[in-house]
Amino acid sequence: MTKQWQTGDRLAPISIDLTLRRSVQAVAGTRDYYPFHHDEQYARENGAEGIFFNTMFLQAYVGRVVCEWFGNDAFLRMLDISMRASNYVGRTLTAGGSVTGAREQDCIRLVDADVTLGTEDGPTTAVKVTVQLPVVTTPGAFARP
């Protein structure tokens, strides 16, 4: 049975290790060759603590955790992401949050959530999402008489 999400429901934390390998894969997959995302010496010489993950990686990670929280039939209708600090290689990235609204509109179910991405260093990214979920129907509701 599909969960009926309600305002205030907590979204269980989901974590991923931010490894150098994962960073290089993200650079190759997104073709974002900005040196901060793959060249530690460049990153440090230009004021960063080290290699940090790009925006597209964070967006993809949010897509992944949305499917884990809401199911594989969830469709991400809106994604608003605000990066506030860097997500460095060697840290663990954790997503958590809560449902801020749930409604049916135009025959679809929508759930709004505020999500925070963070590492051991603290919160790094604020995210707002709206997720479309399958409409729950009563078995046989569309059967012909």
N, C-alpha and C. Protein backbone atom coordinates (compact mmCIF):
# COMPACT_ATOMS: atom_id res chain seq x y z
N MET A 1 0.84 -1.18 0.00
CA MET A 1 0.00 0.00 0.00
C MET A 1 0.88 1.24 0.00
N THR A 2 0.48 2.25 -0.74
CA THR A 2 1.23 3.49 -0.84
C THR A 2 1.01 4.33 0.42
N LYS A 3 2.09 4.86 0.98
CA LYS A 3 2.01 5.69 2.18
C LYS A 3 1.26 6.98 1.87
N GLN A 4 0.43 7.38 2.79
CA GLN A 4 -0.26 8.66 2.69
C GLN A 4 0.56 9.69 3.46
N TRP A 5 1.37 10.45 2.76
CA TRP A 5 2.26 11.41 3.39
C TRP A 5 1.47 12.58 3.96
N GLN A 6 1.94 13.09 5.11
CA GLN A 6 1.30 14.21 5.77
C GLN A 6 2.33 15.25 6.16
N THR A 7 1.90 16.50 6.24
CA THR A 7 2.77 17.57 6.70
C THR A 7 3.38 17.18 8.05
N GLY A 8 4.68 17.35 8.16
CA GLY A 8 5.39 17.03 9.39
C GLY A 8 6.06 15.68 9.38
N ASP A 9 5.70 14.80 8.44
CA ASP A 9 6.37 13.50 8.37
C ASP A 9 7.87 13.71 8.15
N ARG A 10 8.68 12.96 8.88
CA ARG A 10 10.13 13.05 8.76
C ARG A 10 10.61 12.12 7.65
N LEU A 11 11.64 12.55 6.94
CA LEU A 11 12.27 11.75 5.89
C LEU A 11 13.56 11.20 6.47
N ALA A 12 13.65 9.89 6.58
CA ALA A 12 14.79 9.24 7.22
C ALA A 12 16.10 9.62 6.54
N PRO A 13 17.14 9.86 7.31
CA PRO A 13 18.44 10.22 6.73
C PRO A 13 18.98 9.12 5.82
N ILE A 14 19.55 9.55 4.70
CA ILE A 14 20.20 8.66 3.74
C ILE A 14 21.58 9.24 3.46
N SER A 15 22.61 8.41 3.53
CA SER A 15 23.98 8.89 3.40
C SER A 15 24.73 8.21 2.26
N ILE A 16 25.76 8.91 1.79
CA ILE A 16 26.64 8.39 0.74
C ILE A 16 28.05 8.93 1.01
N ASP A 17 29.05 8.09 0.80
CA ASP A 17 30.44 8.52 0.98
C ASP A 17 30.87 9.35 -0.23
N LEU A 18 31.50 10.47 0.04
CA LEU A 18 32.01 11.34 -1.03
C LEU A 18 33.47 10.98 -1.30
N THR A 19 33.65 9.99 -2.15
CA THR A 19 35.00 9.49 -2.46
C THR A 19 35.58 10.21 -3.67
N LEU A 20 36.89 10.12 -3.82
CA LEU A 20 37.55 10.68 -4.99
C LEU A 20 37.03 10.00 -6.25
N ARG A 21 36.88 8.69 -6.21
CA ARG A 21 36.37 7.96 -7.37
C ARG A 21 34.99 8.49 -7.79
N ARG A 22 34.11 8.67 -6.81
CA ARG A 22 32.76 9.18 -7.10
C ARG A 22 32.84 10.59 -7.69
N SER A 23 33.75 11.41 -7.21
CA SER A 23 33.91 12.77 -7.73
C SER A 23 34.35 12.74 -9.20
N VAL A 24 35.33 11.89 -9.50
CA VAL A 24 35.82 11.79 -10.88
C VAL A 24 34.71 11.24 -11.79
N GLN A 25 33.94 10.27 -11.31
CA GLN A 25 32.82 9.75 -12.09
C GLN A 25 31.78 10.85 -12.35
N ALA A 26 31.53 11.68 -11.34
CA ALA A 26 30.57 12.78 -11.51
C ALA A 26 31.07 13.79 -12.54
N VAL A 27 32.37 14.09 -12.50
CA VAL A 27 32.95 15.00 -13.49
C VAL A 27 32.79 14.42 -14.90
N ALA A 28 33.11 13.15 -15.06
CA ALA A 28 33.00 12.52 -16.38
C ALA A 28 31.54 12.43 -16.83
N GLY A 29 30.66 12.07 -15.90
CA GLY A 29 29.26 11.90 -16.26
C GLY A 29 28.55 13.20 -16.60
N THR A 30 28.95 14.28 -15.96
CA THR A 30 28.30 15.57 -16.20
C THR A 30 29.09 16.45 -17.17
N ARG A 31 30.29 16.02 -17.49
CA ARG A 31 31.22 16.78 -18.35
C ARG A 31 31.48 18.18 -17.80
N ASP A 32 31.52 18.27 -16.47
CA ASP A 32 31.83 19.51 -15.77
C ASP A 32 33.30 19.44 -15.37
N TYR A 33 34.16 19.91 -16.25
CA TYR A 33 35.60 19.77 -16.05
C TYR A 33 36.23 20.93 -15.30
N TYR A 34 35.45 21.67 -14.56
CA TYR A 34 35.97 22.75 -13.72
C TYR A 34 36.98 22.13 -12.76
N PRO A 35 38.23 22.61 -12.72
CA PRO A 35 39.29 21.95 -11.95
C PRO A 35 38.99 21.74 -10.46
N PHE A 36 38.13 22.56 -9.86
CA PHE A 36 37.79 22.38 -8.45
C PHE A 36 37.17 21.01 -8.19
N HIS A 37 36.62 20.37 -9.23
CA HIS A 37 35.91 19.11 -9.05
C HIS A 37 36.78 17.88 -9.29
N HIS A 38 38.05 18.09 -9.70
CA HIS A 38 38.90 16.91 -9.94
C HIS A 38 40.38 17.13 -9.68
N ASP A 39 40.83 18.36 -9.48
CA ASP A 39 42.25 18.66 -9.32
C ASP A 39 42.49 19.26 -7.93
N GLU A 40 42.97 18.43 -7.01
CA GLU A 40 43.13 18.87 -5.62
C GLU A 40 44.11 20.03 -5.49
N GLN A 41 45.21 19.96 -6.20
CA GLN A 41 46.20 21.04 -6.12
C GLN A 41 45.57 22.36 -6.57
N TYR A 42 44.88 22.36 -7.69
CA TYR A 42 44.23 23.57 -8.19
C TYR A 42 43.24 24.09 -7.15
N ALA A 43 42.41 23.19 -6.62
CA ALA A 43 41.39 23.60 -5.65
C ALA A 43 42.04 24.27 -4.44
N ARG A 44 43.08 23.66 -3.90
CA ARG A 44 43.75 24.23 -2.71
C ARG A 44 44.44 25.56 -3.03
N GLU A 45 45.09 25.65 -4.19
CA GLU A 45 45.77 26.89 -4.58
C GLU A 45 44.79 28.03 -4.80
N ASN A 46 43.53 27.69 -5.00
CA ASN A 46 42.53 28.72 -5.25
C ASN A 46 41.54 28.87 -4.08
N GLY A 47 41.98 28.46 -2.89
CA GLY A 47 41.24 28.77 -1.68
C GLY A 47 40.27 27.73 -1.17
N ALA A 48 40.11 26.61 -1.87
CA ALA A 48 39.21 25.56 -1.38
C ALA A 48 39.99 24.60 -0.48
N GLU A 49 39.27 23.89 0.35
CA GLU A 49 39.88 22.90 1.24
C GLU A 49 40.36 21.68 0.46
N GLY A 50 39.78 21.47 -0.70
CA GLY A 50 40.11 20.33 -1.55
C GLY A 50 39.09 20.21 -2.66
N ILE A 51 39.01 19.05 -3.27
CA ILE A 51 38.04 18.79 -4.34
C ILE A 51 36.64 18.78 -3.74
N PHE A 52 35.71 19.45 -4.43
CA PHE A 52 34.33 19.41 -3.96
C PHE A 52 33.40 19.03 -5.11
N PHE A 53 32.23 18.52 -4.75
CA PHE A 53 31.28 17.98 -5.71
C PHE A 53 30.48 19.08 -6.39
N ASN A 54 30.12 18.82 -7.66
CA ASN A 54 29.43 19.83 -8.45
C ASN A 54 27.91 19.80 -8.23
N THR A 55 27.27 20.84 -8.73
CA THR A 55 25.83 21.02 -8.56
C THR A 55 25.04 19.86 -9.14
N MET A 56 25.42 19.39 -10.32
CA MET A 56 24.66 18.31 -10.96
C MET A 56 24.71 17.03 -10.14
N PHE A 57 25.82 16.77 -9.47
CA PHE A 57 25.90 15.60 -8.60
C PHE A 57 24.88 15.74 -7.47
N LEU A 58 24.82 16.92 -6.87
CA LEU A 58 23.88 17.14 -5.76
C LEU A 58 22.44 16.99 -6.23
N GLN A 59 22.14 17.51 -7.41
CA GLN A 59 20.79 17.37 -7.96
C GLN A 59 20.45 15.90 -8.18
N ALA A 60 21.39 15.14 -8.71
CA ALA A 60 21.17 13.72 -8.95
C ALA A 60 20.99 12.97 -7.62
N TYR A 61 21.77 13.35 -6.63
CA TYR A 61 21.64 12.70 -5.32
C TYR A 61 20.26 12.95 -4.73
N VAL A 62 19.77 14.16 -4.87
CA VAL A 62 18.41 14.45 -4.39
C VAL A 62 17.40 13.58 -5.13
N GLY A 63 17.56 13.42 -6.45
CA GLY A 63 16.67 12.54 -7.21
C GLY A 63 16.70 11.12 -6.67
N ARG A 64 17.88 10.66 -6.32
CA ARG A 64 18.01 9.29 -5.77
C ARG A 64 17.29 9.17 -4.44
N VAL A 65 17.51 10.12 -3.53
CA VAL A 65 16.89 9.99 -2.21
C VAL A 65 15.38 10.18 -2.28
N VAL A 66 14.91 10.99 -3.22
CA VAL A 66 13.46 11.14 -3.41
C VAL A 66 12.84 9.78 -3.75
N CYS A 67 13.49 9.02 -4.63
CA CYS A 67 12.98 7.69 -4.99
C CYS A 67 13.04 6.74 -3.80
N GLU A 68 14.08 6.85 -2.97
CA GLU A 68 14.15 5.99 -1.79
C GLU A 68 13.05 6.35 -0.79
N TRP A 69 12.77 7.63 -0.63
CA TRP A 69 11.75 8.05 0.33
C TRP A 69 10.33 7.78 -0.19
N PHE A 70 10.09 8.15 -1.44
CA PHE A 70 8.71 8.16 -1.95
C PHE A 70 8.40 7.02 -2.91
N GLY A 71 9.40 6.23 -3.30
CA GLY A 71 9.19 5.10 -4.19
C GLY A 71 9.63 5.39 -5.61
N ASN A 72 9.83 4.33 -6.37
CA ASN A 72 10.34 4.46 -7.74
C ASN A 72 9.33 5.08 -8.70
N ASP A 73 8.07 5.15 -8.30
CA ASP A 73 7.06 5.79 -9.15
C ASP A 73 6.97 7.29 -8.90
N ALA A 74 7.77 7.79 -7.97
CA ALA A 74 7.77 9.23 -7.67
C ALA A 74 8.35 10.00 -8.85
N PHE A 75 7.74 11.12 -9.17
CA PHE A 75 8.22 11.99 -10.26
C PHE A 75 8.55 13.34 -9.65
N LEU A 76 9.78 13.77 -9.81
CA LEU A 76 10.24 15.04 -9.25
C LEU A 76 9.70 16.19 -10.09
N ARG A 77 8.71 16.89 -9.58
CA ARG A 77 8.07 17.98 -10.33
C ARG A 77 8.80 19.31 -10.18
N MET A 78 9.41 19.53 -9.01
CA MET A 78 10.10 20.79 -8.75
C MET A 78 11.31 20.52 -7.87
N LEU A 79 12.43 21.15 -8.21
CA LEU A 79 13.66 21.04 -7.44
C LEU A 79 14.26 22.43 -7.33
N ASP A 80 14.38 22.92 -6.11
CA ASP A 80 14.97 24.23 -5.83
C ASP A 80 16.14 23.96 -4.90
N ILE A 81 17.35 24.20 -5.38
CA ILE A 81 18.55 23.85 -4.63
C ILE A 81 19.38 25.10 -4.37
N SER A 82 19.83 25.25 -3.13
CA SER A 82 20.62 26.41 -2.75
C SER A 82 21.86 25.93 -2.00
N MET A 83 23.00 26.00 -2.69
CA MET A 83 24.26 25.55 -2.10
C MET A 83 24.81 26.65 -1.19
N ARG A 84 25.16 26.24 0.03
CA ARG A 84 25.63 27.21 1.03
C ARG A 84 27.06 26.93 1.48
N ALA A 85 27.53 25.70 1.24
CA ALA A 85 28.90 25.31 1.60
C ALA A 85 29.30 24.15 0.69
N SER A 86 30.57 23.86 0.66
CA SER A 86 31.08 22.81 -0.24
C SER A 86 30.95 21.43 0.37
N ASN A 87 30.81 20.44 -0.52
CA ASN A 87 30.75 19.03 -0.15
C ASN A 87 32.06 18.39 -0.61
N TYR A 88 32.99 18.26 0.31
CA TYR A 88 34.35 17.84 -0.03
C TYR A 88 34.52 16.33 -0.07
N VAL A 89 35.44 15.89 -0.94
CA VAL A 89 35.87 14.51 -0.98
C VAL A 89 36.37 14.13 0.42
N GLY A 90 36.03 12.92 0.83
CA GLY A 90 36.46 12.44 2.13
C GLY A 90 35.39 12.58 3.20
N ARG A 91 34.30 13.26 2.87
CA ARG A 91 33.21 13.44 3.82
C ARG A 91 32.09 12.44 3.49
N THR A 92 31.09 12.41 4.35
CA THR A 92 29.88 11.63 4.10
C THR A 92 28.74 12.63 3.92
N LEU A 93 28.02 12.51 2.81
CA LEU A 93 26.90 13.40 2.52
C LEU A 93 25.61 12.73 3.00
N THR A 94 24.84 13.45 3.79
CA THR A 94 23.59 12.91 4.33
C THR A 94 22.44 13.83 3.94
N ALA A 95 21.35 13.21 3.47
CA ALA A 95 20.12 13.93 3.14
C ALA A 95 19.07 13.57 4.18
N GLY A 96 18.36 14.56 4.64
CA GLY A 96 17.25 14.35 5.56
C GLY A 96 16.28 15.50 5.41
N GLY A 97 15.10 15.34 5.96
CA GLY A 97 14.16 16.44 5.84
C GLY A 97 12.79 16.09 6.35
N SER A 98 11.82 16.88 5.91
CA SER A 98 10.45 16.65 6.35
C SER A 98 9.47 17.11 5.28
N VAL A 99 8.29 16.53 5.35
CA VAL A 99 7.20 16.88 4.44
C VAL A 99 6.60 18.20 4.91
N THR A 100 6.45 19.14 3.98
CA THR A 100 5.88 20.45 4.32
C THR A 100 4.48 20.63 3.77
N GLY A 101 4.04 19.70 2.94
CA GLY A 101 2.68 19.77 2.40
C GLY A 101 2.36 18.53 1.60
N ALA A 102 1.07 18.17 1.60
CA ALA A 102 0.60 17.02 0.81
C ALA A 102 -0.81 17.35 0.36
N ARG A 103 -1.07 17.11 -0.93
CA ARG A 103 -2.37 17.50 -1.48
C ARG A 103 -2.66 16.73 -2.75
N GLU A 104 -3.92 16.72 -3.11
CA GLU A 104 -4.34 16.24 -4.43
C GLU A 104 -4.76 17.46 -5.22
N GLN A 105 -4.29 17.51 -6.44
CA GLN A 105 -4.56 18.66 -7.30
C GLN A 105 -4.68 18.16 -8.73
N ASP A 106 -5.77 18.50 -9.39
CA ASP A 106 -5.98 18.09 -10.78
C ASP A 106 -5.77 16.57 -10.95
N CYS A 107 -6.32 15.81 -10.01
CA CYS A 107 -6.28 14.34 -10.04
C CYS A 107 -4.88 13.75 -9.88
N ILE A 108 -3.96 14.50 -9.28
CA ILE A 108 -2.64 13.96 -8.98
C ILE A 108 -2.31 14.23 -7.51
N ARG A 109 -1.46 13.39 -6.93
CA ARG A 109 -1.01 13.58 -5.56
C ARG A 109 0.33 14.28 -5.60
N LEU A 110 0.45 15.35 -4.83
CA LEU A 110 1.70 16.10 -4.74
C LEU A 110 2.15 16.18 -3.29
N VAL A 111 3.45 16.01 -3.09
CA VAL A 111 4.04 16.12 -1.77
C VAL A 111 5.19 17.12 -1.86
N ASP A 112 5.19 18.09 -0.96
CA ASP A 112 6.28 19.07 -0.86
C ASP A 112 7.15 18.69 0.31
N ALA A 113 8.45 18.90 0.17
CA ALA A 113 9.38 18.59 1.26
C ALA A 113 10.54 19.56 1.27
N ASP A 114 11.02 19.84 2.46
CA ASP A 114 12.26 20.56 2.65
C ASP A 114 13.32 19.53 3.00
N VAL A 115 14.43 19.59 2.29
CA VAL A 115 15.51 18.62 2.46
C VAL A 115 16.79 19.39 2.76
N THR A 116 17.60 18.84 3.64
CA THR A 116 18.91 19.42 3.92
C THR A 116 19.97 18.40 3.60
N LEU A 117 20.96 18.81 2.81
CA LEU A 117 22.15 18.00 2.58
C LEU A 117 23.24 18.54 3.49
N GLY A 118 23.99 17.63 4.09
CA GLY A 118 25.06 18.07 4.96
C GLY A 118 26.13 17.01 5.11
N THR A 119 27.27 17.45 5.62
CA THR A 119 28.38 16.55 5.90
C THR A 119 28.74 16.71 7.37
N GLU A 120 29.86 16.09 7.75
CA GLU A 120 30.36 16.23 9.11
C GLU A 120 30.62 17.69 9.47
N ASP A 121 30.82 18.52 8.46
CA ASP A 121 31.10 19.94 8.67
C ASP A 121 29.84 20.75 8.96
N GLY A 122 28.66 20.15 8.73
CA GLY A 122 27.40 20.86 8.94
C GLY A 122 26.57 20.90 7.67
N PRO A 123 25.45 21.62 7.71
CA PRO A 123 24.58 21.72 6.53
C PRO A 123 25.32 22.39 5.37
N THR A 124 25.12 21.87 4.17
CA THR A 124 25.78 22.45 2.99
C THR A 124 24.79 22.94 1.94
N THR A 125 23.61 22.32 1.87
CA THR A 125 22.70 22.60 0.76
C THR A 125 21.26 22.51 1.25
N ALA A 126 20.49 23.56 0.95
CA ALA A 126 19.06 23.57 1.26
C ALA A 126 18.30 23.23 -0.02
N VAL A 127 17.33 22.35 0.09
CA VAL A 127 16.60 21.87 -1.08
C VAL A 127 15.10 21.88 -0.78
N LYS A 128 14.33 22.33 -1.76
CA LYS A 128 12.87 22.20 -1.71
C LYS A 128 12.47 21.36 -2.90
N VAL A 129 11.59 20.39 -2.66
CA VAL A 129 11.12 19.53 -3.75
C VAL A 129 9.60 19.44 -3.71
N THR A 130 9.04 19.22 -4.89
CA THR A 130 7.66 18.79 -5.02
C THR A 130 7.69 17.50 -5.81
N VAL A 131 7.06 16.47 -5.25
CA VAL A 131 7.07 15.14 -5.83
C VAL A 131 5.64 14.75 -6.20
N GLN A 132 5.49 14.24 -7.42
CA GLN A 132 4.19 13.70 -7.85
C GLN A 132 4.18 12.21 -7.59
N LEU A 133 3.14 11.74 -6.93
CA LEU A 133 3.00 10.32 -6.61
C LEU A 133 1.80 9.75 -7.35
N PRO A 134 1.82 8.44 -7.57
CA PRO A 134 0.68 7.82 -8.25
C PRO A 134 -0.59 8.00 -7.42
N VAL A 135 -1.70 8.19 -8.10
CA VAL A 135 -2.99 8.30 -7.43
C VAL A 135 -3.42 6.91 -7.00
N VAL A 136 -3.84 6.79 -5.77
CA VAL A 136 -4.30 5.51 -5.25
C VAL A 136 -5.77 5.34 -5.66
N THR A 137 -6.05 4.24 -6.31
CA THR A 137 -7.43 3.97 -6.73
C THR A 137 -7.94 2.71 -6.05
N THR A 138 -9.22 2.63 -5.93
CA THR A 138 -9.85 1.44 -5.36
C THR A 138 -9.87 0.36 -6.44
N PRO A 139 -9.43 -0.87 -6.09
CA PRO A 139 -9.47 -1.95 -7.09
C PRO A 139 -10.88 -2.09 -7.68
N GLY A 140 -10.94 -2.18 -8.98
CA GLY A 140 -12.23 -2.34 -9.66
C GLY A 140 -12.99 -1.04 -9.86
N ALA A 141 -12.41 0.09 -9.46
CA ALA A 141 -13.12 1.36 -9.58
C ALA A 141 -13.44 1.72 -11.02
N PHE A 142 -12.66 1.20 -11.95
CA PHE A 142 -12.88 1.53 -13.35
C PHE A 142 -13.54 0.39 -14.10
N ALA A 143 -14.01 -0.59 -13.38
CA ALA A 143 -14.66 -1.74 -14.02
C ALA A 143 -16.00 -1.30 -14.60
N ARG A 144 -16.34 -1.87 -15.73
CA ARG A 144 -17.63 -1.56 -16.36
C ARG A 144 -18.72 -2.39 -15.71
N PRO A 145 -19.93 -1.82 -15.58
CA PRO A 145 -21.03 -2.59 -14.99
C PRO A 145 -21.49 -3.72 -15.87
